[in-house]
Amino acid sequence: MCRSIKTLRPPVLPEEATEEDIRAAALQFVRKVSGFRAPAAHNREAFDRAVDEIAASTARLLDGLEVRGGVRTP
């Protein structure tokens, strides 16, 4: 599931993941889970809220990770 979402943590991404990278990954995840590329107007609020919440959770996760050892690839 969501194989097209790139890994956002170092060392796979040499620089820090940007807010744009995190939001793009969250959007891909919500699209995959919901089955909607673009939701209908009556689902827009729930869709957008999910993207916001997942992006925030992802940012917290990346901030809390400590990567040790050599270069690893997914």
Protein backbone atom coordinates (compact mmCIF):
# COMPACT_ATOMS: atom_id res chain seq x y z
CA MET A 1 0.00 0.00 0.00
CA CYS A 2 1.23 3.51 -0.82
CA ARG A 3 4.44 2.28 -2.42
CA SER A 4 4.83 5.60 -4.23
CA ILE A 5 5.27 7.55 -0.98
CA LYS A 6 8.98 8.22 -0.65
CA THR A 7 10.83 7.71 2.60
CA LEU A 8 11.22 11.08 4.31
CA ARG A 9 13.77 10.32 7.01
CA PRO A 10 17.54 10.60 6.67
CA PRO A 11 19.70 9.02 5.32
CA VAL A 12 17.33 8.21 2.45
CA LEU A 13 16.50 11.91 2.09
CA PRO A 14 19.85 13.64 2.60
CA GLU A 15 18.34 16.97 3.63
CA GLU A 16 15.55 17.34 6.14
CA ALA A 17 12.06 16.61 4.84
CA THR A 18 10.24 19.81 4.04
CA GLU A 19 6.72 20.67 5.08
CA GLU A 20 5.80 20.27 1.40
CA ASP A 21 7.31 16.74 1.32
CA ILE A 22 5.38 15.78 4.45
CA ARG A 23 2.09 17.19 3.16
CA ALA A 24 2.51 15.44 -0.21
CA ALA A 25 3.04 12.10 1.56
CA ALA A 26 -0.01 12.70 3.77
CA LEU A 27 -2.13 13.56 0.73
CA GLN A 28 -1.02 10.38 -1.07
CA PHE A 29 -1.89 8.33 2.00
CA VAL A 30 -5.36 9.86 2.37
CA ARG A 31 -6.05 9.40 -1.36
CA LYS A 32 -5.07 5.74 -1.12
CA VAL A 33 -7.08 5.02 2.01
CA SER A 34 -10.19 6.96 0.94
CA GLY A 35 -10.15 5.84 -2.67
CA PHE A 36 -10.65 9.46 -3.79
CA ARG A 37 -8.13 11.42 -5.81
CA ALA A 38 -10.26 14.50 -5.19
CA PRO A 39 -13.24 14.17 -2.85
CA ALA A 40 -16.72 15.45 -3.58
CA ALA A 41 -17.66 18.75 -1.96
CA HIS A 42 -19.55 16.99 0.85
CA ASN A 43 -16.40 15.01 1.76
CA ARG A 44 -13.86 17.82 1.36
CA GLU A 45 -13.74 18.86 5.03
CA ALA A 46 -13.12 15.32 6.30
CA PHE A 47 -10.53 14.70 3.56
CA ASP A 48 -8.63 17.93 4.26
CA ARG A 49 -8.76 17.38 8.02
CA ALA A 50 -7.28 13.89 7.58
CA VAL A 51 -4.44 15.26 5.45
CA ASP A 52 -3.70 17.92 8.09
CA GLU A 53 -3.74 15.40 10.95
CA ILE A 54 -1.54 12.88 9.14
CA ALA A 55 0.93 15.59 8.10
CA ALA A 56 1.17 16.78 11.73
CA SER A 57 1.66 13.21 13.00
CA THR A 58 4.30 12.57 10.35
CA ALA A 59 6.21 15.72 11.33
CA ARG A 60 6.15 14.65 14.99
CA LEU A 61 7.35 11.17 14.05
CA LEU A 62 10.25 12.49 11.97
CA ASP A 63 11.21 14.93 14.73
CA GLY A 64 11.33 12.07 17.24
CA LEU A 65 13.32 9.55 15.20
CA GLU A 66 17.00 8.97 15.79
CA VAL A 67 18.73 7.23 12.90
CA ARG A 68 21.83 5.31 13.92
CA GLY A 69 24.42 3.38 11.98
CA GLY A 70 25.20 3.31 8.30
CA VAL A 71 23.17 4.23 5.28
CA ARG A 72 20.05 2.10 4.99
CA THR A 73 17.59 2.09 2.14
CA PRO A 74 13.95 1.08 2.37
